[in-house]
Structures are given as C-alpha cells and as structure tokens.
Amino acid sequence: IIEAVREVAAAEILPRFRNLADGE
C-alpha cells in the first residue's frame, strides 16, 4: 500500500502540482 501511494502520487499528483490548466 505504501508503494502504491508513492507511485500514484508520483504519476498523478506531483506532475499536476502548480500545473493545473483552466477547467481542471
């Protein structure tokens, strides 16, 4: 579970931080 959280955050959360587009 810990590794799943880390990997999902790296793939889905961090790349969008301060990078959200209009409408997101």
mmCIF file of all heavy atoms, coordinates in Angstrom:
data_MODEL
# 
_entry.id   MODEL 
# 
loop_
_atom_site.group_PDB 
_atom_site.id 
_atom_site.type_symbol 
_atom_site.label_atom_id 
_atom_site.label_alt_id 
_atom_site.label_comp_id 
_atom_site.label_asym_id 
_atom_site.label_entity_id 
_atom_site.label_seq_id 
_atom_site.pdbx_PDB_ins_code 
_atom_site.Cartn_x 
_atom_site.Cartn_y 
_atom_site.Cartn_z 
_atom_site.occupancy 
_atom_site.B_iso_or_equiv 
_atom_site.pdbx_formal_charge 
_atom_site.auth_seq_id 
_atom_site.auth_comp_id 
_atom_site.auth_asym_id 
_atom_site.auth_atom_id 
_atom_site.pdbx_PDB_model_num 
ATOM 1   N N   . ILE A 1 1  ? 0.836   -1.207 0.000   1.00 0.00 ? 1  ILE A N   1 
ATOM 2   C CA  . ILE A 1 1  ? 0.000   0.000  0.000   1.00 0.00 ? 1  ILE A CA  1 
ATOM 3   C C   . ILE A 1 1  ? 0.867   1.251  0.000   1.00 0.00 ? 1  ILE A C   1 
ATOM 4   O O   . ILE A 1 1  ? 0.601   2.215  -0.734  1.00 0.00 ? 1  ILE A O   1 
ATOM 5   C CB  . ILE A 1 1  ? -0.957  -0.001 1.209   1.00 0.00 ? 1  ILE A CB  1 
ATOM 6   C CG1 . ILE A 1 1  ? -1.958  -1.155 1.115   1.00 0.00 ? 1  ILE A CG1 1 
ATOM 7   C CG2 . ILE A 1 1  ? -1.711  1.334  1.288   1.00 0.00 ? 1  ILE A CG2 1 
ATOM 8   C CD1 . ILE A 1 1  ? -2.812  -1.329 2.359   1.00 0.00 ? 1  ILE A CD1 1 
ATOM 9   N N   . ILE A 1 2  ? 1.903   1.254  0.816   1.00 0.00 ? 2  ILE A N   1 
ATOM 10  C CA  . ILE A 1 2  ? 2.816   2.402  0.856   1.00 0.00 ? 2  ILE A CA  1 
ATOM 11  C C   . ILE A 1 2  ? 3.414   2.659  -0.521  1.00 0.00 ? 2  ILE A C   1 
ATOM 12  O O   . ILE A 1 2  ? 3.444   3.807  -1.003  1.00 0.00 ? 2  ILE A O   1 
ATOM 13  C CB  . ILE A 1 2  ? 3.926   2.177  1.903   1.00 0.00 ? 2  ILE A CB  1 
ATOM 14  C CG1 . ILE A 1 2  ? 3.340   2.200  3.315   1.00 0.00 ? 2  ILE A CG1 1 
ATOM 15  C CG2 . ILE A 1 2  ? 5.033   3.220  1.758   1.00 0.00 ? 2  ILE A CG2 1 
ATOM 16  C CD1 . ILE A 1 2  ? 4.298   1.708  4.388   1.00 0.00 ? 2  ILE A CD1 1 
ATOM 17  N N   . GLU A 1 3  ? 3.887   1.622  -1.176  1.00 0.00 ? 3  GLU A N   1 
ATOM 18  C CA  . GLU A 1 3  ? 4.487   1.793  -2.500  1.00 0.00 ? 3  GLU A CA  1 
ATOM 19  C C   . GLU A 1 3  ? 3.449   2.238  -3.517  1.00 0.00 ? 3  GLU A C   1 
ATOM 20  O O   . GLU A 1 3  ? 3.751   3.040  -4.420  1.00 0.00 ? 3  GLU A O   1 
ATOM 21  C CB  . GLU A 1 3  ? 5.161   0.500  -2.942  1.00 0.00 ? 3  GLU A CB  1 
ATOM 22  C CG  . GLU A 1 3  ? 6.427   0.190  -2.162  1.00 0.00 ? 3  GLU A CG  1 
ATOM 23  C CD  . GLU A 1 3  ? 7.380   1.373  -2.120  1.00 0.00 ? 3  GLU A CD  1 
ATOM 24  O OE1 . GLU A 1 3  ? 7.774   1.864  -3.192  1.00 0.00 ? 3  GLU A OE1 1 
ATOM 25  O OE2 . GLU A 1 3  ? 7.725   1.822  -1.006  1.00 0.00 ? 3  GLU A OE2 1 
ATOM 26  N N   . ALA A 1 4  ? 2.225   1.754  -3.392  1.00 0.00 ? 4  ALA A N   1 
ATOM 27  C CA  . ALA A 1 4  ? 1.157   2.191  -4.298  1.00 0.00 ? 4  ALA A CA  1 
ATOM 28  C C   . ALA A 1 4  ? 0.889   3.676  -4.139  1.00 0.00 ? 4  ALA A C   1 
ATOM 29  O O   . ALA A 1 4  ? 0.739   4.414  -5.136  1.00 0.00 ? 4  ALA A O   1 
ATOM 30  C CB  . ALA A 1 4  ? -0.115  1.387  -4.026  1.00 0.00 ? 4  ALA A CB  1 
ATOM 31  N N   . VAL A 1 5  ? 0.840   4.151  -2.903  1.00 0.00 ? 5  VAL A N   1 
ATOM 32  C CA  . VAL A 1 5  ? 0.617   5.579  -2.656  1.00 0.00 ? 5  VAL A CA  1 
ATOM 33  C C   . VAL A 1 5  ? 1.746   6.406  -3.263  1.00 0.00 ? 5  VAL A C   1 
ATOM 34  O O   . VAL A 1 5  ? 1.503   7.421  -3.944  1.00 0.00 ? 5  VAL A O   1 
ATOM 35  C CB  . VAL A 1 5  ? 0.492   5.850  -1.142  1.00 0.00 ? 5  VAL A CB  1 
ATOM 36  C CG1 . VAL A 1 5  ? 0.504   7.351  -0.857  1.00 0.00 ? 5  VAL A CG1 1 
ATOM 37  C CG2 . VAL A 1 5  ? -0.776  5.216  -0.589  1.00 0.00 ? 5  VAL A CG2 1 
ATOM 38  N N   . ARG A 1 6  ? 2.966   6.004  -3.034  1.00 0.00 ? 6  ARG A N   1 
ATOM 39  C CA  . ARG A 1 6  ? 4.116   6.747  -3.565  1.00 0.00 ? 6  ARG A CA  1 
ATOM 40  C C   . ARG A 1 6  ? 4.095   6.791  -5.093  1.00 0.00 ? 6  ARG A C   1 
ATOM 41  O O   . ARG A 1 6  ? 4.336   7.840  -5.710  1.00 0.00 ? 6  ARG A O   1 
ATOM 42  C CB  . ARG A 1 6  ? 5.409   6.128  -3.070  1.00 0.00 ? 6  ARG A CB  1 
ATOM 43  C CG  . ARG A 1 6  ? 5.588   6.174  -1.559  1.00 0.00 ? 6  ARG A CG  1 
ATOM 44  C CD  . ARG A 1 6  ? 6.832   5.419  -1.119  1.00 0.00 ? 6  ARG A CD  1 
ATOM 45  N NE  . ARG A 1 6  ? 8.058   6.124  -1.491  1.00 0.00 ? 6  ARG A NE  1 
ATOM 46  C CZ  . ARG A 1 6  ? 9.268   5.587  -1.451  1.00 0.00 ? 6  ARG A CZ  1 
ATOM 47  N NH1 . ARG A 1 6  ? 9.408   4.320  -1.094  1.00 0.00 ? 6  ARG A NH1 1 
ATOM 48  N NH2 . ARG A 1 6  ? 10.316  6.293  -1.787  1.00 0.00 ? 6  ARG A NH2 1 
ATOM 49  N N   . GLU A 1 7  ? 3.815   5.656  -5.710  1.00 0.00 ? 7  GLU A N   1 
ATOM 50  C CA  . GLU A 1 7  ? 3.845   5.590  -7.171  1.00 0.00 ? 7  GLU A CA  1 
ATOM 51  C C   . GLU A 1 7  ? 2.682   6.355  -7.799  1.00 0.00 ? 7  GLU A C   1 
ATOM 52  O O   . GLU A 1 7  ? 2.864   7.050  -8.808  1.00 0.00 ? 7  GLU A O   1 
ATOM 53  C CB  . GLU A 1 7  ? 3.832   4.128  -7.610  1.00 0.00 ? 7  GLU A CB  1 
ATOM 54  C CG  . GLU A 1 7  ? 5.143   3.406  -7.281  1.00 0.00 ? 7  GLU A CG  1 
ATOM 55  C CD  . GLU A 1 7  ? 5.061   1.901  -7.458  1.00 0.00 ? 7  GLU A CD  1 
ATOM 56  O OE1 . GLU A 1 7  ? 4.027   1.418  -7.987  1.00 0.00 ? 7  GLU A OE1 1 
ATOM 57  O OE2 . GLU A 1 7  ? 6.023   1.203  -7.064  1.00 0.00 ? 7  GLU A OE2 1 
ATOM 58  N N   . VAL A 1 8  ? 1.496   6.265  -7.208  1.00 0.00 ? 8  VAL A N   1 
ATOM 59  C CA  . VAL A 1 8  ? 0.356   7.016  -7.732  1.00 0.00 ? 8  VAL A CA  1 
ATOM 60  C C   . VAL A 1 8  ? 0.573   8.512  -7.570  1.00 0.00 ? 8  VAL A C   1 
ATOM 61  O O   . VAL A 1 8  ? 0.267   9.301  -8.470  1.00 0.00 ? 8  VAL A O   1 
ATOM 62  C CB  . VAL A 1 8  ? -0.948  6.560  -7.046  1.00 0.00 ? 8  VAL A CB  1 
ATOM 63  C CG1 . VAL A 1 8  ? -2.086  7.526  -7.361  1.00 0.00 ? 8  VAL A CG1 1 
ATOM 64  C CG2 . VAL A 1 8  ? -1.319  5.145  -7.484  1.00 0.00 ? 8  VAL A CG2 1 
ATOM 65  N N   . ALA A 1 9  ? 1.118   8.925  -6.421  1.00 0.00 ? 9  ALA A N   1 
ATOM 66  C CA  . ALA A 1 9  ? 1.402   10.351 -6.223  1.00 0.00 ? 9  ALA A CA  1 
ATOM 67  C C   . ALA A 1 9  ? 2.408   10.863 -7.244  1.00 0.00 ? 9  ALA A C   1 
ATOM 68  O O   . ALA A 1 9  ? 2.257   11.962 -7.798  1.00 0.00 ? 9  ALA A O   1 
ATOM 69  C CB  . ALA A 1 9  ? 1.916   10.593 -4.807  1.00 0.00 ? 9  ALA A CB  1 
ATOM 70  N N   . ALA A 1 10 ? 3.425   10.064 -7.520  1.00 0.00 ? 10 ALA A N   1 
ATOM 71  C CA  . ALA A 1 10 ? 4.442   10.469 -8.491  1.00 0.00 ? 10 ALA A CA  1 
ATOM 72  C C   . ALA A 1 10 ? 3.877   10.565 -9.899  1.00 0.00 ? 10 ALA A C   1 
ATOM 73  O O   . ALA A 1 10 ? 4.300   11.418 -10.699 1.00 0.00 ? 10 ALA A O   1 
ATOM 74  C CB  . ALA A 1 10 ? 5.603   9.483  -8.462  1.00 0.00 ? 10 ALA A CB  1 
ATOM 75  N N   . ALA A 1 11 ? 2.894   9.722  -10.220 1.00 0.00 ? 11 ALA A N   1 
ATOM 76  C CA  . ALA A 1 11 ? 2.345   9.692  -11.573 1.00 0.00 ? 11 ALA A CA  1 
ATOM 77  C C   . ALA A 1 11 ? 1.199   10.669 -11.777 1.00 0.00 ? 11 ALA A C   1 
ATOM 78  O O   . ALA A 1 11 ? 1.076   11.289 -12.852 1.00 0.00 ? 11 ALA A O   1 
ATOM 79  C CB  . ALA A 1 11 ? 1.865   8.279  -11.901 1.00 0.00 ? 11 ALA A CB  1 
ATOM 80  N N   . GLU A 1 12 ? 0.354   10.845 -10.750 1.00 0.00 ? 12 GLU A N   1 
ATOM 81  C CA  . GLU A 1 12 ? -0.884  11.587 -10.956 1.00 0.00 ? 12 GLU A CA  1 
ATOM 82  C C   . GLU A 1 12 ? -0.959  12.930 -10.219 1.00 0.00 ? 12 GLU A C   1 
ATOM 83  O O   . GLU A 1 12 ? -1.698  13.821 -10.648 1.00 0.00 ? 12 GLU A O   1 
ATOM 84  C CB  . GLU A 1 12 ? -2.084  10.727 -10.503 1.00 0.00 ? 12 GLU A CB  1 
ATOM 85  C CG  . GLU A 1 12 ? -2.176  9.362  -11.170 1.00 0.00 ? 12 GLU A CG  1 
ATOM 86  C CD  . GLU A 1 12 ? -2.486  9.447  -12.655 1.00 0.00 ? 12 GLU A CD  1 
ATOM 87  O OE1 . GLU A 1 12 ? -2.784  10.552 -13.163 1.00 0.00 ? 12 GLU A OE1 1 
ATOM 88  O OE2 . GLU A 1 12 ? -2.433  8.398  -13.329 1.00 0.00 ? 12 GLU A OE2 1 
ATOM 89  N N   . ILE A 1 13 ? -0.214  13.077 -9.119  1.00 0.00 ? 13 ILE A N   1 
ATOM 90  C CA  . ILE A 1 13 ? -0.353  14.278 -8.287  1.00 0.00 ? 13 ILE A CA  1 
ATOM 91  C C   . ILE A 1 13 ? 0.780   15.272 -8.519  1.00 0.00 ? 13 ILE A C   1 
ATOM 92  O O   . ILE A 1 13 ? 0.535   16.442 -8.858  1.00 0.00 ? 13 ILE A O   1 
ATOM 93  C CB  . ILE A 1 13 ? -0.435  13.887 -6.796  1.00 0.00 ? 13 ILE A CB  1 
ATOM 94  C CG1 . ILE A 1 13 ? -1.688  13.032 -6.546  1.00 0.00 ? 13 ILE A CG1 1 
ATOM 95  C CG2 . ILE A 1 13 ? -0.457  15.130 -5.914  1.00 0.00 ? 13 ILE A CG2 1 
ATOM 96  C CD1 . ILE A 1 13 ? -1.796  12.477 -5.135  1.00 0.00 ? 13 ILE A CD1 1 
ATOM 97  N N   . LEU A 1 14 ? 2.001   14.835 -8.349  1.00 0.00 ? 14 LEU A N   1 
ATOM 98  C CA  . LEU A 1 14 ? 3.138   15.756 -8.467  1.00 0.00 ? 14 LEU A CA  1 
ATOM 99  C C   . LEU A 1 14 ? 3.238   16.429 -9.838  1.00 0.00 ? 14 LEU A C   1 
ATOM 100 O O   . LEU A 1 14 ? 3.503   17.640 -9.900  1.00 0.00 ? 14 LEU A O   1 
ATOM 101 C CB  . LEU A 1 14 ? 4.437   15.028 -8.132  1.00 0.00 ? 14 LEU A CB  1 
ATOM 102 C CG  . LEU A 1 14 ? 4.775   14.932 -6.639  1.00 0.00 ? 14 LEU A CG  1 
ATOM 103 C CD1 . LEU A 1 14 ? 5.969   14.014 -6.434  1.00 0.00 ? 14 LEU A CD1 1 
ATOM 104 C CD2 . LEU A 1 14 ? 5.048   16.304 -6.051  1.00 0.00 ? 14 LEU A CD2 1 
ATOM 105 N N   . PRO A 1 15 ? 3.033   15.727 -10.951 1.00 0.00 ? 15 PRO A N   1 
ATOM 106 C CA  . PRO A 1 15 ? 3.162   16.398 -12.255 1.00 0.00 ? 15 PRO A CA  1 
ATOM 107 C C   . PRO A 1 15 ? 2.150   17.517 -12.468 1.00 0.00 ? 15 PRO A C   1 
ATOM 108 O O   . PRO A 1 15 ? 2.392   18.434 -13.255 1.00 0.00 ? 15 PRO A O   1 
ATOM 109 C CB  . PRO A 1 15 ? 2.942   15.261 -13.269 1.00 0.00 ? 15 PRO A CB  1 
ATOM 110 C CG  . PRO A 1 15 ? 3.284   14.015 -12.532 1.00 0.00 ? 15 PRO A CG  1 
ATOM 111 C CD  . PRO A 1 15 ? 2.839   14.268 -11.123 1.00 0.00 ? 15 PRO A CD  1 
ATOM 112 N N   . ARG A 1 16 ? 1.018   17.463 -11.757 1.00 0.00 ? 16 ARG A N   1 
ATOM 113 C CA  . ARG A 1 16 ? -0.027  18.478 -11.921 1.00 0.00 ? 16 ARG A CA  1 
ATOM 114 C C   . ARG A 1 16 ? 0.081   19.611 -10.900 1.00 0.00 ? 16 ARG A C   1 
ATOM 115 O O   . ARG A 1 16 ? -0.625  20.607 -11.011 1.00 0.00 ? 16 ARG A O   1 
ATOM 116 C CB  . ARG A 1 16 ? -1.398  17.823 -11.821 1.00 0.00 ? 16 ARG A CB  1 
ATOM 117 C CG  . ARG A 1 16 ? -1.717  16.849 -12.964 1.00 0.00 ? 16 ARG A CG  1 
ATOM 118 C CD  . ARG A 1 16 ? -3.118  16.269 -12.789 1.00 0.00 ? 16 ARG A CD  1 
ATOM 119 N NE  . ARG A 1 16 ? -3.558  15.531 -13.951 1.00 0.00 ? 16 ARG A NE  1 
ATOM 120 C CZ  . ARG A 1 16 ? -3.562  14.189 -14.055 1.00 0.00 ? 16 ARG A CZ  1 
ATOM 121 N NH1 . ARG A 1 16 ? -3.095  13.454 -13.039 1.00 0.00 ? 16 ARG A NH1 1 
ATOM 122 N NH2 . ARG A 1 16 ? -4.015  13.590 -15.143 1.00 0.00 ? 16 ARG A NH2 1 
ATOM 123 N N   . PHE A 1 17 ? 0.940   19.449 -9.903  1.00 0.00 ? 17 PHE A N   1 
ATOM 124 C CA  . PHE A 1 17 ? 1.068   20.489 -8.881  1.00 0.00 ? 17 PHE A CA  1 
ATOM 125 C C   . PHE A 1 17 ? 1.650   21.758 -9.500  1.00 0.00 ? 17 PHE A C   1 
ATOM 126 O O   . PHE A 1 17 ? 2.684   21.718 -10.161 1.00 0.00 ? 17 PHE A O   1 
ATOM 127 C CB  . PHE A 1 17 ? 1.959   19.999 -7.737  1.00 0.00 ? 17 PHE A CB  1 
ATOM 128 C CG  . PHE A 1 17 ? 2.089   20.978 -6.597  1.00 0.00 ? 17 PHE A CG  1 
ATOM 129 C CD1 . PHE A 1 17 ? 0.975   21.539 -6.007  1.00 0.00 ? 17 PHE A CD1 1 
ATOM 130 C CD2 . PHE A 1 17 ? 3.345   21.333 -6.111  1.00 0.00 ? 17 PHE A CD2 1 
ATOM 131 C CE1 . PHE A 1 17 ? 1.089   22.439 -4.956  1.00 0.00 ? 17 PHE A CE1 1 
ATOM 132 C CE2 . PHE A 1 17 ? 3.473   22.225 -5.059  1.00 0.00 ? 17 PHE A CE2 1 
ATOM 133 C CZ  . PHE A 1 17 ? 2.349   22.786 -4.483  1.00 0.00 ? 17 PHE A CZ  1 
ATOM 134 N N   . ARG A 1 18 ? 0.961   22.866 -9.303  1.00 0.00 ? 18 ARG A N   1 
ATOM 135 C CA  . ARG A 1 18 ? 1.296   24.163 -9.913  1.00 0.00 ? 18 ARG A CA  1 
ATOM 136 C C   . ARG A 1 18 ? 1.298   24.082 -11.442 1.00 0.00 ? 18 ARG A C   1 
ATOM 137 O O   . ARG A 1 18 ? 1.969   24.865 -12.102 1.00 0.00 ? 18 ARG A O   1 
ATOM 138 C CB  . ARG A 1 18 ? 2.644   24.684 -9.396  1.00 0.00 ? 18 ARG A CB  1 
ATOM 139 C CG  . ARG A 1 18 ? 2.627   24.943 -7.888  1.00 0.00 ? 18 ARG A CG  1 
ATOM 140 C CD  . ARG A 1 18 ? 3.955   25.441 -7.365  1.00 0.00 ? 18 ARG A CD  1 
ATOM 141 N NE  . ARG A 1 18 ? 3.874   25.681 -5.924  1.00 0.00 ? 18 ARG A NE  1 
ATOM 142 C CZ  . ARG A 1 18 ? 4.915   25.894 -5.138  1.00 0.00 ? 18 ARG A CZ  1 
ATOM 143 N NH1 . ARG A 1 18 ? 6.143   25.904 -5.662  1.00 0.00 ? 18 ARG A NH1 1 
ATOM 144 N NH2 . ARG A 1 18 ? 4.766   26.111 -3.849  1.00 0.00 ? 18 ARG A NH2 1 
ATOM 145 N N   . ASN A 1 19 ? 0.528   23.149 -11.973 1.00 0.00 ? 19 ASN A N   1 
ATOM 146 C CA  . ASN A 1 19 ? 0.494   22.942 -13.418 1.00 0.00 ? 19 ASN A CA  1 
ATOM 147 C C   . ASN A 1 19 ? -0.917  22.604 -13.894 1.00 0.00 ? 19 ASN A C   1 
ATOM 148 O O   . ASN A 1 19 ? -1.085  21.961 -14.934 1.00 0.00 ? 19 ASN A O   1 
ATOM 149 C CB  . ASN A 1 19 ? 1.460   21.814 -13.797 1.00 0.00 ? 19 ASN A CB  1 
ATOM 150 C CG  . ASN A 1 19 ? 1.783   21.792 -15.272 1.00 0.00 ? 19 ASN A CG  1 
ATOM 151 O OD1 . ASN A 1 19 ? 1.861   22.826 -15.911 1.00 0.00 ? 19 ASN A OD1 1 
ATOM 152 N ND2 . ASN A 1 19 ? 1.955   20.592 -15.814 1.00 0.00 ? 19 ASN A ND2 1 
ATOM 153 N N   . LEU A 1 20 ? -1.937  23.007 -13.127 1.00 0.00 ? 20 LEU A N   1 
ATOM 154 C CA  . LEU A 1 20 ? -3.315  22.729 -13.492 1.00 0.00 ? 20 LEU A CA  1 
ATOM 155 C C   . LEU A 1 20 ? -3.797  23.715 -14.549 1.00 0.00 ? 20 LEU A C   1 
ATOM 156 O O   . LEU A 1 20 ? -3.584  24.917 -14.432 1.00 0.00 ? 20 LEU A O   1 
ATOM 157 C CB  . LEU A 1 20 ? -4.225  22.813 -12.261 1.00 0.00 ? 20 LEU A CB  1 
ATOM 158 C CG  . LEU A 1 20 ? -4.034  21.706 -11.217 1.00 0.00 ? 20 LEU A CG  1 
ATOM 159 C CD1 . LEU A 1 20 ? -4.722  22.084 -9.920  1.00 0.00 ? 20 LEU A CD1 1 
ATOM 160 C CD2 . LEU A 1 20 ? -4.553  20.371 -11.732 1.00 0.00 ? 20 LEU A CD2 1 
ATOM 161 N N   . ALA A 1 21 ? -4.441  23.188 -15.552 1.00 0.00 ? 21 ALA A N   1 
ATOM 162 C CA  . ALA A 1 21 ? -4.949  24.030 -16.633 1.00 0.00 ? 21 ALA A CA  1 
ATOM 163 C C   . ALA A 1 21 ? -6.343  24.547 -16.303 1.00 0.00 ? 21 ALA A C   1 
ATOM 164 O O   . ALA A 1 21 ? -7.012  24.058 -15.386 1.00 0.00 ? 21 ALA A O   1 
ATOM 165 C CB  . ALA A 1 21 ? -4.984  23.235 -17.932 1.00 0.00 ? 21 ALA A CB  1 
ATOM 166 N N   . ASP A 1 22 ? -6.796  25.545 -17.049 1.00 0.00 ? 22 ASP A N   1 
ATOM 167 C CA  . ASP A 1 22 ? -8.159  26.034 -16.901 1.00 0.00 ? 22 ASP A CA  1 
ATOM 168 C C   . ASP A 1 22 ? -9.129  24.879 -17.130 1.00 0.00 ? 22 ASP A C   1 
ATOM 169 O O   . ASP A 1 22 ? -8.968  24.072 -18.041 1.00 0.00 ? 22 ASP A O   1 
ATOM 170 C CB  . ASP A 1 22 ? -8.446  27.136 -17.918 1.00 0.00 ? 22 ASP A CB  1 
ATOM 171 C CG  . ASP A 1 22 ? -7.644  28.405 -17.651 1.00 0.00 ? 22 ASP A CG  1 
ATOM 172 O OD1 . ASP A 1 22 ? -7.157  28.556 -16.516 1.00 0.00 ? 22 ASP A OD1 1 
ATOM 173 O OD2 . ASP A 1 22 ? -7.502  29.229 -18.574 1.00 0.00 ? 22 ASP A OD2 1 
ATOM 174 N N   . GLY A 1 23 ? -10.137 24.791 -16.271 1.00 0.00 ? 23 GLY A N   1 
ATOM 175 C CA  . GLY A 1 23 ? -11.118 23.727 -16.405 1.00 0.00 ? 23 GLY A CA  1 
ATOM 176 C C   . GLY A 1 23 ? -10.747 22.459 -15.673 1.00 0.00 ? 23 GLY A C   1 
ATOM 177 O O   . GLY A 1 23 ? -11.532 21.498 -15.698 1.00 0.00 ? 23 GLY A O   1 
ATOM 178 N N   . GLU A 1 24 ? -9.587  22.416 -15.018 1.00 0.00 ? 24 GLU A N   1 
ATOM 179 C CA  . GLU A 1 24 ? -9.183  21.212 -14.296 1.00 0.00 ? 24 GLU A CA  1 
ATOM 180 C C   . GLU A 1 24 ? -9.417  21.315 -12.790 1.00 0.00 ? 24 GLU A C   1 
ATOM 181 O O   . GLU A 1 24 ? -9.002  20.443 -12.034 1.00 0.00 ? 24 GLU A O   1 
ATOM 182 C CB  . GLU A 1 24 ? -7.703  20.912 -14.567 1.00 0.00 ? 24 GLU A CB  1 
ATOM 183 C CG  . GLU A 1 24 ? -7.455  20.495 -16.018 1.00 0.00 ? 24 GLU A CG  1 
ATOM 184 C CD  . GLU A 1 24 ? -6.034  20.037 -16.274 1.00 0.00 ? 24 GLU A CD  1 
ATOM 185 O OE1 . GLU A 1 24 ? -5.119  20.462 -15.517 1.00 0.00 ? 24 GLU A OE1 1 
ATOM 186 O OE2 . GLU A 1 24 ? -5.835  19.261 -17.225 1.00 0.00 ? 24 GLU A OE2 1 
# 
